[in-house]
């Protein structure tokens, strides 16, 4: 896929997720087949630029191109400054968050709350595009604020007129949060109204679902969120299926053990061991969810205080799985993707 001067591996995007799409996770998803991985959102409040959290989120050392950084806020001038700040620190794409439904974000009129004020949306987009110069700006948003107010087509038109070069749409409203099922009619409608690339997001949990959503909406690509948590190889599975129409076999247990351990080592290095052990717990939980005996394993895992104990427990758990089958076998294949639907 060609986008804004970049030759992307494919049209598969990693959705920005707070507390998830840090540098170790982005790097892993790119290695496992994603074309673009968007960072977790970075605040536009300059008073927080010096905080450890913000500095980590702006850390792209060694990251594979393109480096896409999502910024969040509700003030045009602050958002413009945030764009410049992150470009100075290596951002090659600036993504604007108008999709987050979290109360703490929407309560300050950021995230998907912005969709209620189309005039403000226009001012923010124009300010950020102007500040970014020749750096492409993208926008992620939802189908609307509520089911009675699905204004995604209007937001898309404003984005295109403002100079935004790509839009990603989650098939739910802000009011829906992550409940119910994503709908793709609104995304398909938007695709007929704009000339810039449209990326479809929401409930894409299998290669077959990715193919369906692309065909149904006419979108230029798909964005995967929670379905990639603990399953980053979903990108290579989708990539292979879209190219060949064939499913890859389940991955070898030995491979996923290695993937998981390398990811954990990267987490420990990035956050330091004390914080890294805590961060690692949620990733280990996602890696093991749906696998035989994982519930008891996770209860024990969440009590382990050291890197060495975590790694030993992972070795033992996946070793038991490998004794039963050389490839990953989920205890309930129907339950697993539904729980991770993004």
C-alpha atoms as a PDB file:
ATOM      1  CA  UNK A   1       0.000   0.000   0.000  1.00  0.00           C
ATOM      2  CA  UNK A   2       1.297   3.469  -0.918  1.00  0.00           C
ATOM      3  CA  UNK A   3       0.526   6.215   1.571  1.00  0.00           C
ATOM      4  CA  UNK A   4       1.949   9.728   1.818  1.00  0.00           C
ATOM      5  CA  UNK A   5       5.308   8.768   0.392  1.00  0.00           C
ATOM      6  CA  UNK A   6       5.575   5.538   2.376  1.00  0.00           C
ATOM      7  CA  UNK A   7       5.492   2.103   0.829  1.00  0.00           C
ATOM      8  CA  UNK A   8       3.639   0.097   3.451  1.00  0.00           C
ATOM      9  CA  UNK A   9       4.011  -3.661   3.751  1.00  0.00           C
ATOM     10  CA  UNK A  10       0.225  -3.986   3.481  1.00  0.00           C
ATOM     11  CA  UNK A  11      -3.050  -2.262   4.383  1.00  0.00           C
ATOM     12  CA  UNK A  12      -3.231  -3.628   7.931  1.00  0.00           C
ATOM     13  CA  UNK A  13      -3.103  -1.063  10.743  1.00  0.00           C
ATOM     14  CA  UNK A  14      -2.628  -1.507  14.491  1.00  0.00           C
ATOM     15  CA  UNK A  15      -5.189   0.613  16.318  1.00  0.00           C
ATOM     16  CA  UNK A  16      -3.884   3.053  18.920  1.00  0.00           C
ATOM     17  CA  UNK A  17      -4.742   1.714  22.385  1.00  0.00           C
ATOM     18  CA  UNK A  18      -3.921   3.472  25.643  1.00  0.00           C
ATOM     19  CA  UNK A  19      -1.675   1.339  27.804  1.00  0.00           C
ATOM     20  CA  UNK A  20      -1.156  -1.193  25.017  1.00  0.00           C
ATOM     21  CA  UNK A  21       0.453   0.187  21.861  1.00  0.00           C
ATOM     22  CA  UNK A  22       3.732   1.150  23.469  1.00  0.00           C
ATOM     23  CA  UNK A  23       6.970   0.815  21.526  1.00  0.00           C
ATOM     24  CA  UNK A  24       7.529  -2.890  22.359  1.00  0.00           C
ATOM     25  CA  UNK A  25       4.011  -3.812  21.190  1.00  0.00           C
ATOM     26  CA  UNK A  26       4.183  -1.678  18.045  1.00  0.00           C
ATOM     27  CA  UNK A  27       7.506  -3.203  17.090  1.00  0.00           C
ATOM     28  CA  UNK A  28       6.173  -6.702  17.642  1.00  0.00           C
ATOM     29  CA  UNK A  29       3.049  -6.112  15.542  1.00  0.00           C
ATOM     30  CA  UNK A  30       5.135  -4.723  12.684  1.00  0.00           C
ATOM     31  CA  UNK A  31       7.411  -7.758  12.903  1.00  0.00           C
ATOM     32  CA  UNK A  32       4.355 -10.028  12.816  1.00  0.00           C
ATOM     33  CA  UNK A  33       2.902  -8.443   9.688  1.00  0.00           C
ATOM     34  CA  UNK A  34       1.282  -5.071  10.384  1.00  0.00           C
ATOM     35  CA  UNK A  35       1.874  -2.308   7.854  1.00  0.00           C
ATOM     36  CA  UNK A  36       1.396   0.580  10.312  1.00  0.00           C
ATOM     37  CA  UNK A  37       1.227   0.690  14.114  1.00  0.00           C
ATOM     38  CA  UNK A  38      -0.185   3.863  15.693  1.00  0.00           C
ATOM     39  CA  UNK A  39       1.101   4.891  19.113  1.00  0.00           C
ATOM     40  CA  UNK A  40      -1.041   5.153  22.202  1.00  0.00           C
ATOM     41  CA  UNK A  41      -2.363   8.686  22.508  1.00  0.00           C
ATOM     42  CA  UNK A  42      -0.008  11.429  23.636  1.00  0.00           C
ATOM     43  CA  UNK A  43      -1.447  14.389  25.510  1.00  0.00           C
ATOM     44  CA  UNK A  44      -1.478  17.826  23.924  1.00  0.00           C
ATOM     45  CA  UNK A  45      -0.930  19.395  27.360  1.00  0.00           C
ATOM     46  CA  UNK A  46       2.632  20.750  27.224  1.00  0.00           C
ATOM     47  CA  UNK A  47       2.766  20.803  31.030  1.00  0.00           C
ATOM     48  CA  UNK A  48       2.956  16.992  30.890  1.00  0.00           C
ATOM     49  CA  UNK A  49       5.668  16.699  28.244  1.00  0.00           C
ATOM     50  CA  UNK A  50       8.285  16.138  30.934  1.00  0.00           C
ATOM     51  CA  UNK A  51       6.411  13.323  32.687  1.00  0.00           C
ATOM     52  CA  UNK A  52       7.870   9.828  32.486  1.00  0.00           C
ATOM     53  CA  UNK A  53       4.685   8.497  30.870  1.00  0.00           C
ATOM     54  CA  UNK A  54       4.646  11.109  28.106  1.00  0.00           C
ATOM     55  CA  UNK A  55       8.363  10.736  27.464  1.00  0.00           C
ATOM     56  CA  UNK A  56       7.989   6.966  27.113  1.00  0.00           C
ATOM     57  CA  UNK A  57       5.102   7.436  24.697  1.00  0.00           C
ATOM     58  CA  UNK A  58       7.283   9.732  22.611  1.00  0.00           C
ATOM     59  CA  UNK A  59      10.175   7.252  22.579  1.00  0.00           C
ATOM     60  CA  UNK A  60      10.657   5.794  19.079  1.00  0.00           C
ATOM     61  CA  UNK A  61      14.276   4.656  19.356  1.00  0.00           C
ATOM     62  CA  UNK A  62      14.896   1.951  16.792  1.00  0.00           C
ATOM     63  CA  UNK A  63      11.281   1.838  15.663  1.00  0.00           C
ATOM     64  CA  UNK A  64      10.559   0.674  12.126  1.00  0.00           C
ATOM     65  CA  UNK A  65       9.116   3.296   9.760  1.00  0.00           C
ATOM     66  CA  UNK A  66       6.606   4.765   9.487  1.00  0.00           C
ATOM     67  CA  UNK A  67       6.340   6.203  12.981  1.00  0.00           C
ATOM     68  CA  UNK A  68       2.737   7.253  13.603  1.00  0.00           C
ATOM     69  CA  UNK A  69       1.962   9.194  16.782  1.00  0.00           C
ATOM     70  CA  UNK A  70      -1.558   9.889  17.984  1.00  0.00           C
ATOM     71  CA  UNK A  71      -2.254  13.158  19.796  1.00  0.00           C
ATOM     72  CA  UNK A  72      -5.331  13.972  21.875  1.00  0.00           C
ATOM     73  CA  UNK A  73      -6.865  17.227  23.036  1.00  0.00           C
ATOM     74  CA  UNK A  74      -9.560  19.793  22.383  1.00  0.00           C
ATOM     75  CA  UNK A  75      -7.681  23.074  21.913  1.00  0.00           C
ATOM     76  CA  UNK A  76      -6.525  23.847  18.333  1.00  0.00           C
ATOM     77  CA  UNK A  77      -3.398  25.759  19.382  1.00  0.00           C
ATOM     78  CA  UNK A  78      -2.325  23.096  21.875  1.00  0.00           C
ATOM     79  CA  UNK A  79      -2.955  20.338  19.335  1.00  0.00           C
ATOM     80  CA  UNK A  80      -0.858  22.205  16.774  1.00  0.00           C
ATOM     81  CA  UNK A  81       1.980  22.549  19.263  1.00  0.00           C
ATOM     82  CA  UNK A  82       1.670  18.852  20.154  1.00  0.00           C
ATOM     83  CA  UNK A  83       2.055  17.991  16.475  1.00  0.00           C
ATOM     84  CA  UNK A  84       5.220  20.081  16.207  1.00  0.00           C
ATOM     85  CA  UNK A  85       6.580  18.656  19.476  1.00  0.00           C
ATOM     86  CA  UNK A  86       6.164  15.045  18.331  1.00  0.00           C
ATOM     87  CA  UNK A  87       7.463  15.708  14.821  1.00  0.00           C
ATOM     88  CA  UNK A  88      10.606  17.127  16.404  1.00  0.00           C
ATOM     89  CA  UNK A  89      10.937  13.796  18.245  1.00  0.00           C
ATOM     90  CA  UNK A  90      10.632  11.587  15.215  1.00  0.00           C
ATOM     91  CA  UNK A  91       6.940  11.330  14.319  1.00  0.00           C
ATOM     92  CA  UNK A  92       6.487  10.728  10.584  1.00  0.00           C
ATOM     93  CA  UNK A  93       2.677  10.663  10.733  1.00  0.00           C
ATOM     94  CA  UNK A  94       0.471  12.625  13.145  1.00  0.00           C
ATOM     95  CA  UNK A  95      -2.812  10.917  14.024  1.00  0.00           C
ATOM     96  CA  UNK A  96      -5.616  12.798  15.760  1.00  0.00           C
ATOM     97  CA  UNK A  97      -7.762  11.046  18.354  1.00  0.00           C
ATOM     98  CA  UNK A  98     -11.495  11.618  17.878  1.00  0.00           C
ATOM     99  CA  UNK A  99     -12.435   8.037  18.644  1.00  0.00           C
ATOM    100  CA  UNK A 100     -11.658   7.388  22.303  1.00  0.00           C
ATOM    101  CA  UNK A 101     -14.941   6.922  24.241  1.00  0.00           C
ATOM    102  CA  UNK A 102     -13.405   6.977  27.742  1.00  0.00           C
ATOM    103  CA  UNK A 103     -15.189   9.293  30.166  1.00  0.00           C
ATOM    104  CA  UNK A 104     -12.013  10.977  31.408  1.00  0.00           C
ATOM    105  CA  UNK A 105     -11.173  11.901  27.801  1.00  0.00           C
ATOM    106  CA  UNK A 106     -14.687  12.888  26.719  1.00  0.00           C
ATOM    107  CA  UNK A 107     -15.280  14.918  29.887  1.00  0.00           C
ATOM    108  CA  UNK A 108     -12.674  17.411  28.664  1.00  0.00           C
ATOM    109  CA  UNK A 109     -14.275  17.440  25.192  1.00  0.00           C
ATOM    110  CA  UNK A 110     -11.444  15.396  23.668  1.00  0.00           C
ATOM    111  CA  UNK A 111     -11.625  12.041  21.912  1.00  0.00           C
ATOM    112  CA  UNK A 112     -15.002  11.130  20.438  1.00  0.00           C
ATOM    113  CA  UNK A 113     -16.684  13.989  22.347  1.00  0.00           C
ATOM    114  CA  UNK A 114     -15.275  16.316  19.689  1.00  0.00           C
ATOM    115  CA  UNK A 115     -17.703  14.884  17.162  1.00  0.00           C
ATOM    116  CA  UNK A 116     -20.430  16.931  18.851  1.00  0.00           C
ATOM    117  CA  UNK A 117     -18.785  20.175  17.704  1.00  0.00           C
ATOM    118  CA  UNK A 118     -18.071  20.066  13.986  1.00  0.00           C
ATOM    119  CA  UNK A 119     -16.839  23.660  13.903  1.00  0.00           C
ATOM    120  CA  UNK A 120     -14.244  22.861  16.564  1.00  0.00           C
ATOM    121  CA  UNK A 121     -13.263  19.723  14.645  1.00  0.00           C
ATOM    122  CA  UNK A 122     -12.540  21.886  11.595  1.00  0.00           C
ATOM    123  CA  UNK A 123     -10.416  24.326  13.618  1.00  0.00           C
ATOM    124  CA  UNK A 124      -8.391  21.528  15.208  1.00  0.00           C
ATOM    125  CA  UNK A 125      -7.772  19.724  11.924  1.00  0.00           C
ATOM    126  CA  UNK A 126      -6.766  22.906  10.117  1.00  0.00           C
ATOM    127  CA  UNK A 127      -4.426  23.891  12.960  1.00  0.00           C
ATOM    128  CA  UNK A 128      -2.733  20.485  13.104  1.00  0.00           C
ATOM    129  CA  UNK A 129      -2.386  20.134   9.335  1.00  0.00           C
ATOM    130  CA  UNK A 130      -0.899  23.620   9.189  1.00  0.00           C
ATOM    131  CA  UNK A 131       1.549  22.893  11.993  1.00  0.00           C
ATOM    132  CA  UNK A 132       2.576  19.533  10.540  1.00  0.00           C
ATOM    133  CA  UNK A 133       3.787  21.022   7.256  1.00  0.00           C
ATOM    134  CA  UNK A 134       4.799  18.196   4.943  1.00  0.00           C
ATOM    135  CA  UNK A 135       4.170  15.523   7.596  1.00  0.00           C
ATOM    136  CA  UNK A 136       0.890  13.676   6.830  1.00  0.00           C
ATOM    137  CA  UNK A 137      -1.997  13.981   9.274  1.00  0.00           C
ATOM    138  CA  UNK A 138      -4.532  11.200   9.807  1.00  0.00           C
ATOM    139  CA  UNK A 139      -7.733  11.073  11.842  1.00  0.00           C
ATOM    140  CA  UNK A 140      -9.455   8.297  13.787  1.00  0.00           C
ATOM    141  CA  UNK A 141     -13.087   8.749  14.763  1.00  0.00           C
ATOM    142  CA  UNK A 142     -16.359   6.897  15.270  1.00  0.00           C
ATOM    143  CA  UNK A 143     -19.608   6.697  13.330  1.00  0.00           C
ATOM    144  CA  UNK A 144     -21.035   9.440  15.545  1.00  0.00           C
ATOM    145  CA  UNK A 145     -21.709  10.620  19.064  1.00  0.00           C
ATOM    146  CA  UNK A 146     -24.836   8.475  19.412  1.00  0.00           C
ATOM    147  CA  UNK A 147     -27.022   6.270  17.241  1.00  0.00           C
ATOM    148  CA  UNK A 148     -29.285   9.283  16.694  1.00  0.00           C
ATOM    149  CA  UNK A 149     -26.338  11.414  15.607  1.00  0.00           C
ATOM    150  CA  UNK A 150     -24.159   9.507  13.144  1.00  0.00           C
ATOM    151  CA  UNK A 151     -22.262  12.399  11.601  1.00  0.00           C
ATOM    152  CA  UNK A 152     -19.223  10.469  10.376  1.00  0.00           C
ATOM    153  CA  UNK A 153     -19.880  11.533   6.748  1.00  0.00           C
ATOM    154  CA  UNK A 154     -19.718  15.207   7.765  1.00  0.00           C
ATOM    155  CA  UNK A 155     -16.574  14.682   9.868  1.00  0.00           C
ATOM    156  CA  UNK A 156     -14.989  12.865   6.930  1.00  0.00           C
ATOM    157  CA  UNK A 157     -15.771  15.757   4.577  1.00  0.00           C
ATOM    158  CA  UNK A 158     -14.329  18.267   7.053  1.00  0.00           C
ATOM    159  CA  UNK A 159     -11.210  16.106   7.375  1.00  0.00           C
ATOM    160  CA  UNK A 160     -10.678  15.914   3.630  1.00  0.00           C
ATOM    161  CA  UNK A 161     -11.203  19.645   3.177  1.00  0.00           C
ATOM    162  CA  UNK A 162      -8.771  20.359   6.040  1.00  0.00           C
ATOM    163  CA  UNK A 163      -5.959  18.406   4.400  1.00  0.00           C
ATOM    164  CA  UNK A 164      -6.147  15.195   6.426  1.00  0.00           C
ATOM    165  CA  UNK A 165      -4.673  12.435   4.249  1.00  0.00           C
ATOM    166  CA  UNK A 166      -6.293   9.300   5.716  1.00  0.00           C
ATOM    167  CA  UNK A 167      -9.195   8.520   8.030  1.00  0.00           C
ATOM    168  CA  UNK A 168      -9.935   5.474  10.184  1.00  0.00           C
ATOM    169  CA  UNK A 169     -13.491   4.857  11.382  1.00  0.00           C
ATOM    170  CA  UNK A 170     -14.589   2.598  14.229  1.00  0.00           C
ATOM    171  CA  UNK A 171     -17.999   1.121  13.482  1.00  0.00           C
ATOM    172  CA  UNK A 172     -19.606   2.205  16.748  1.00  0.00           C
ATOM    173  CA  UNK A 173     -20.771   5.514  18.202  1.00  0.00           C
ATOM    174  CA  UNK A 174     -19.282   7.016  21.331  1.00  0.00           C
ATOM    175  CA  UNK A 175     -22.453   6.078  23.235  1.00  0.00           C
ATOM    176  CA  UNK A 176     -21.970   2.435  22.217  1.00  0.00           C
ATOM    177  CA  UNK A 177     -18.525   2.310  23.837  1.00  0.00           C
ATOM    178  CA  UNK A 178     -17.498  -1.267  22.894  1.00  0.00           C
ATOM    179  CA  UNK A 179     -20.902  -2.901  23.360  1.00  0.00           C
ATOM    180  CA  UNK A 180     -22.985  -4.615  20.714  1.00  0.00           C
ATOM    181  CA  UNK A 181     -21.639  -5.242  17.251  1.00  0.00           C
ATOM    182  CA  UNK A 182     -19.797  -2.824  14.995  1.00  0.00           C
ATOM    183  CA  UNK A 183     -21.750  -1.696  11.934  1.00  0.00           C
ATOM    184  CA  UNK A 184     -20.112  -1.095   8.596  1.00  0.00           C
ATOM    185  CA  UNK A 185     -22.859   0.685   6.621  1.00  0.00           C
ATOM    186  CA  UNK A 186     -21.671   4.084   7.835  1.00  0.00           C
ATOM    187  CA  UNK A 187     -18.079   3.274   6.862  1.00  0.00           C
ATOM    188  CA  UNK A 188     -19.254   2.143   3.415  1.00  0.00           C
ATOM    189  CA  UNK A 189     -21.227   5.388   3.051  1.00  0.00           C
ATOM    190  CA  UNK A 190     -18.209   7.512   3.999  1.00  0.00           C
ATOM    191  CA  UNK A 191     -16.047   5.654   1.492  1.00  0.00           C
ATOM    192  CA  UNK A 192     -18.332   6.806  -1.347  1.00  0.00           C
ATOM    193  CA  UNK A 193     -18.072  10.443  -0.252  1.00  0.00           C
ATOM    194  CA  UNK A 194     -14.317  11.070   0.049  1.00  0.00           C
ATOM    195  CA  UNK A 195     -11.263  10.571  -2.107  1.00  0.00           C
ATOM    196  CA  UNK A 196      -8.763  10.033   0.708  1.00  0.00           C
ATOM    197  CA  UNK A 197      -8.076   6.496   2.023  1.00  0.00           C
ATOM    198  CA  UNK A 198     -10.611   5.084   4.489  1.00  0.00           C
ATOM    199  CA  UNK A 199      -9.581   2.428   7.036  1.00  0.00           C
ATOM    200  CA  UNK A 200     -12.308   0.281   8.654  1.00  0.00           C
ATOM    201  CA  UNK A 201     -12.096  -0.640  12.348  1.00  0.00           C
ATOM    202  CA  UNK A 202     -14.240  -2.642  14.737  1.00  0.00           C
ATOM    203  CA  UNK A 203     -14.794  -6.349  15.489  1.00  0.00           C
ATOM    204  CA  UNK A 204     -12.217  -7.542  12.964  1.00  0.00           C
ATOM    205  CA  UNK A 205     -11.039 -10.688  14.709  1.00  0.00           C
ATOM    206  CA  UNK A 206     -10.274 -13.192  11.932  1.00  0.00           C
ATOM    207  CA  UNK A 207      -8.845 -13.195   8.414  1.00  0.00           C
ATOM    208  CA  UNK A 208     -12.292 -14.009   7.059  1.00  0.00           C
ATOM    209  CA  UNK A 209     -13.825 -11.038   8.869  1.00  0.00           C
ATOM    210  CA  UNK A 210     -11.112  -8.759   7.475  1.00  0.00           C
ATOM    211  CA  UNK A 211     -11.940  -9.919   3.941  1.00  0.00           C
ATOM    212  CA  UNK A 212     -15.664  -9.390   4.546  1.00  0.00           C
ATOM    213  CA  UNK A 213     -15.210  -5.874   5.928  1.00  0.00           C
ATOM    214  CA  UNK A 214     -12.958  -4.830   3.054  1.00  0.00           C
ATOM    215  CA  UNK A 215     -15.440  -6.150   0.499  1.00  0.00           C
ATOM    216  CA  UNK A 216     -18.524  -4.767   2.263  1.00  0.00           C
ATOM    217  CA  UNK A 217     -17.215  -1.264   2.899  1.00  0.00           C
ATOM    218  CA  UNK A 218     -14.848  -0.797  -0.025  1.00  0.00           C
ATOM    219  CA  UNK A 219     -12.339   0.453   2.562  1.00  0.00           C
ATOM    220  CA  UNK A 220      -8.684   0.794   1.666  1.00  0.00           C
ATOM    221  CA  UNK A 221      -7.515  -1.140   4.713  1.00  0.00           C
ATOM    222  CA  UNK A 222      -8.499  -2.494   8.108  1.00  0.00           C
ATOM    223  CA  UNK A 223      -7.424  -1.526  11.612  1.00  0.00           C
ATOM    224  CA  UNK A 224      -7.088  -4.182  14.307  1.00  0.00           C
ATOM    225  CA  UNK A 225      -7.292  -3.322  17.996  1.00  0.00           C
ATOM    226  CA  UNK A 226      -7.989  -5.683  20.875  1.00  0.00           C
ATOM    227  CA  UNK A 227      -7.931  -8.773  18.661  1.00  0.00           C
ATOM    228  CA  UNK A 228      -4.159  -8.264  18.425  1.00  0.00           C
ATOM    229  CA  UNK A 229      -3.670  -8.298  22.192  1.00  0.00           C
ATOM    230  CA  UNK A 230      -1.885 -11.543  22.955  1.00  0.00           C
ATOM    231  CA  UNK A 231      -2.263 -12.520  19.312  1.00  0.00           C
ATOM    232  CA  UNK A 232      -0.007 -10.216  17.266  1.00  0.00           C
ATOM    233  CA  UNK A 233       0.389 -12.930  14.626  1.00  0.00           C
ATOM    234  CA  UNK A 234      -3.178 -12.099  13.513  1.00  0.00           C
ATOM    235  CA  UNK A 235      -1.586  -9.632  11.082  1.00  0.00           C
ATOM    236  CA  UNK A 236       0.368 -12.284   9.205  1.00  0.00           C
ATOM    237  CA  UNK A 237      -2.718 -14.520   9.229  1.00  0.00           C
ATOM    238  CA  UNK A 238      -4.814 -11.781   7.640  1.00  0.00           C
ATOM    239  CA  UNK A 239      -2.052 -10.802   5.228  1.00  0.00           C
ATOM    240  CA  UNK A 240      -1.714 -14.405   4.028  1.00  0.00           C
ATOM    241  CA  UNK A 241      -5.466 -14.918   3.698  1.00  0.00           C
ATOM    242  CA  UNK A 242      -5.976 -11.711   1.720  1.00  0.00           C
ATOM    243  CA  UNK A 243      -3.189 -12.703  -0.666  1.00  0.00           C
ATOM    244  CA  UNK A 244      -4.008 -16.383  -1.119  1.00  0.00           C
ATOM    245  CA  UNK A 245      -7.514 -17.077   0.188  1.00  0.00           C
ATOM    246  CA  UNK A 246      -5.993 -19.759   2.398  1.00  0.00           C
ATOM    247  CA  UNK A 247      -5.728 -19.949   6.167  1.00  0.00           C
ATOM    248  CA  UNK A 248      -2.377 -20.405   7.830  1.00  0.00           C
ATOM    249  CA  UNK A 249      -2.186 -23.314  10.288  1.00  0.00           C
ATOM    250  CA  UNK A 250      -2.204 -22.400  13.984  1.00  0.00           C
ATOM    251  CA  UNK A 251       1.257 -21.261  15.081  1.00  0.00           C
ATOM    252  CA  UNK A 252       3.641 -23.651  16.779  1.00  0.00           C
ATOM    253  CA  UNK A 253       3.600 -23.490  20.568  1.00  0.00           C
ATOM    254  CA  UNK A 254       7.392 -23.218  20.502  1.00  0.00           C
ATOM    255  CA  UNK A 255       7.228 -20.153  18.260  1.00  0.00           C
ATOM    256  CA  UNK A 256       4.652 -18.350  20.388  1.00  0.00           C
ATOM    257  CA  UNK A 257       6.644 -19.104  23.537  1.00  0.00           C
ATOM    258  CA  UNK A 258       9.615 -17.392  21.887  1.00  0.00           C
ATOM    259  CA  UNK A 259       7.469 -14.465  20.681  1.00  0.00           C
ATOM    260  CA  UNK A 260       6.019 -13.993  24.163  1.00  0.00           C
ATOM    261  CA  UNK A 261       9.408 -14.158  25.908  1.00  0.00           C
ATOM    262  CA  UNK A 262      11.046 -11.725  23.495  1.00  0.00           C
ATOM    263  CA  UNK A 263       8.124  -9.342  23.993  1.00  0.00           C
ATOM    264  CA  UNK A 264       8.488  -9.578  27.760  1.00  0.00           C
ATOM    265  CA  UNK A 265      12.230  -8.941  27.622  1.00  0.00           C
ATOM    266  CA  UNK A 266      11.517  -5.836  25.537  1.00  0.00           C
ATOM    267  CA  UNK A 267       8.939  -4.701  28.118  1.00  0.00           C
ATOM    268  CA  UNK A 268      11.380  -5.192  31.021  1.00  0.00           C
ATOM    269  CA  UNK A 269      14.020  -3.210  29.152  1.00  0.00           C
ATOM    270  CA  UNK A 270      11.660  -0.407  28.145  1.00  0.00           C
ATOM    271  CA  UNK A 271       9.995   0.144  31.538  1.00  0.00           C
ATOM    272  CA  UNK A 272      12.633  -1.181  33.923  1.00  0.00           C
ATOM    273  CA  UNK A 273      12.155  -4.444  35.785  1.00  0.00           C
ATOM    274  CA  UNK A 274       9.911  -3.214  38.617  1.00  0.00           C
ATOM    275  CA  UNK A 275       7.334  -1.552  36.361  1.00  0.00           C
ATOM    276  CA  UNK A 276       7.971  -4.056  33.583  1.00  0.00           C
ATOM    277  CA  UNK A 277       6.840  -6.995  35.714  1.00  0.00           C
ATOM    278  CA  UNK A 278       3.518  -5.248  36.351  1.00  0.00           C
ATOM    279  CA  UNK A 279       3.037  -4.268  32.689  1.00  0.00           C
ATOM    280  CA  UNK A 280       3.952  -7.795  31.587  1.00  0.00           C
ATOM    281  CA  UNK A 281       1.121  -9.382  33.583  1.00  0.00           C
ATOM    282  CA  UNK A 282      -1.630  -8.094  31.304  1.00  0.00           C
ATOM    283  CA  UNK A 283       0.244  -9.160  28.180  1.00  0.00           C
ATOM    284  CA  UNK A 284       0.843 -12.638  29.609  1.00  0.00           C
ATOM    285  CA  UNK A 285      -2.867 -12.833  30.400  1.00  0.00           C
ATOM    286  CA  UNK A 286      -3.726 -11.975  26.788  1.00  0.00           C
ATOM    287  CA  UNK A 287      -1.203 -14.472  25.378  1.00  0.00           C
ATOM    288  CA  UNK A 288      -2.703 -17.301  27.417  1.00  0.00           C
ATOM    289  CA  UNK A 289      -6.410 -16.464  27.324  1.00  0.00           C
ATOM    290  CA  UNK A 290      -8.468 -19.288  25.840  1.00  0.00           C
ATOM    291  CA  UNK A 291      -5.679 -21.853  26.176  1.00  0.00           C
ATOM    292  CA  UNK A 292      -6.171 -24.979  28.272  1.00  0.00           C
ATOM    293  CA  UNK A 293      -5.442 -24.456  31.967  1.00  0.00           C
ATOM    294  CA  UNK A 294      -4.846 -20.727  31.536  1.00  0.00           C
ATOM    295  CA  UNK A 295      -7.275 -19.494  34.204  1.00  0.00           C
ATOM    296  CA  UNK A 296      -5.359 -21.162  37.036  1.00  0.00           C
ATOM    297  CA  UNK A 297      -2.061 -20.131  35.441  1.00  0.00           C
ATOM    298  CA  UNK A 298      -3.085 -16.460  35.354  1.00  0.00           C
ATOM    299  CA  UNK A 299      -4.148 -16.503  39.002  1.00  0.00           C
ATOM    300  CA  UNK A 300      -0.664 -17.671  39.962  1.00  0.00           C
ATOM    301  CA  UNK A 301       1.092 -15.431  37.428  1.00  0.00           C
ATOM    302  CA  UNK A 302      -0.461 -12.296  38.883  1.00  0.00           C
ATOM    303  CA  UNK A 303       1.239 -13.009  42.218  1.00  0.00           C
ATOM    304  CA  UNK A 304       4.758 -13.503  40.855  1.00  0.00           C
ATOM    305  CA  UNK A 305       6.982 -10.522  41.765  1.00  0.00           C
ATOM    306  CA  UNK A 306      10.119 -11.033  39.663  1.00  0.00           C
ATOM    307  CA  UNK A 307      11.248 -11.293  36.054  1.00  0.00           C
ATOM    308  CA  UNK A 308      12.820 -14.686  36.668  1.00  0.00           C
ATOM    309  CA  UNK A 309       9.626 -16.140  38.143  1.00  0.00           C
ATOM    310  CA  UNK A 310       7.521 -14.815  35.273  1.00  0.00           C
ATOM    311  CA  UNK A 311       9.820 -16.286  32.632  1.00  0.00           C
ATOM    312  CA  UNK A 312      10.006 -19.640  34.435  1.00  0.00           C
ATOM    313  CA  UNK A 313       6.207 -19.799  34.702  1.00  0.00           C
ATOM    314  CA  UNK A 314       5.812 -18.984  31.002  1.00  0.00           C
ATOM    315  CA  UNK A 315       8.283 -21.726  30.074  1.00  0.00           C
ATOM    316  CA  UNK A 316       6.416 -24.259  32.184  1.00  0.00           C
ATOM    317  CA  UNK A 317       2.956 -23.275  30.913  1.00  0.00           C
ATOM    318  CA  UNK A 318       3.827 -23.411  27.234  1.00  0.00           C
ATOM    319  CA  UNK A 319       5.873 -26.550  27.856  1.00  0.00           C
ATOM    320  CA  UNK A 320       2.722 -28.295  29.098  1.00  0.00           C
ATOM    321  CA  UNK A 321       0.838 -27.087  26.027  1.00  0.00           C
ATOM    322  CA  UNK A 322       3.557 -28.416  23.721  1.00  0.00           C
ATOM    323  CA  UNK A 323       3.343 -31.831  25.398  1.00  0.00           C
ATOM    324  CA  UNK A 324      -0.315 -32.032  24.322  1.00  0.00           C
ATOM    325  CA  UNK A 325      -0.015 -30.527  20.820  1.00  0.00           C
ATOM    326  CA  UNK A 326       2.780 -28.892  18.853  1.00  0.00           C
ATOM    327  CA  UNK A 327       0.404 -26.127  17.713  1.00  0.00           C
ATOM    328  CA  UNK A 328      -1.748 -23.711  19.697  1.00  0.00           C
ATOM    329  CA  UNK A 329      -5.183 -25.118  20.463  1.00  0.00           C
ATOM    330  CA  UNK A 330      -7.754 -22.823  22.058  1.00  0.00           C
ATOM    331  CA  UNK A 331     -10.153 -24.399  24.507  1.00  0.00           C
ATOM    332  CA  UNK A 332     -13.073 -22.395  23.131  1.00  0.00           C
ATOM    333  CA  UNK A 333     -12.309 -20.925  19.700  1.00  0.00           C
ATOM    334  CA  UNK A 334     -15.680 -19.138  19.594  1.00  0.00           C
ATOM    335  CA  UNK A 335     -15.202 -17.378  22.902  1.00  0.00           C
ATOM    336  CA  UNK A 336     -11.656 -16.174  22.265  1.00  0.00           C
ATOM    337  CA  UNK A 337     -12.160 -13.730  19.350  1.00  0.00           C
ATOM    338  CA  UNK A 338     -15.450 -12.382  20.735  1.00  0.00           C
ATOM    339  CA  UNK A 339     -13.823 -11.365  23.987  1.00  0.00           C
ATOM    340  CA  UNK A 340     -11.064  -9.579  22.102  1.00  0.00           C
ATOM    341  CA  UNK A 341     -13.301  -7.811  19.571  1.00  0.00           C
ATOM    342  CA  UNK A 342     -12.103  -4.241  18.966  1.00  0.00           C
END
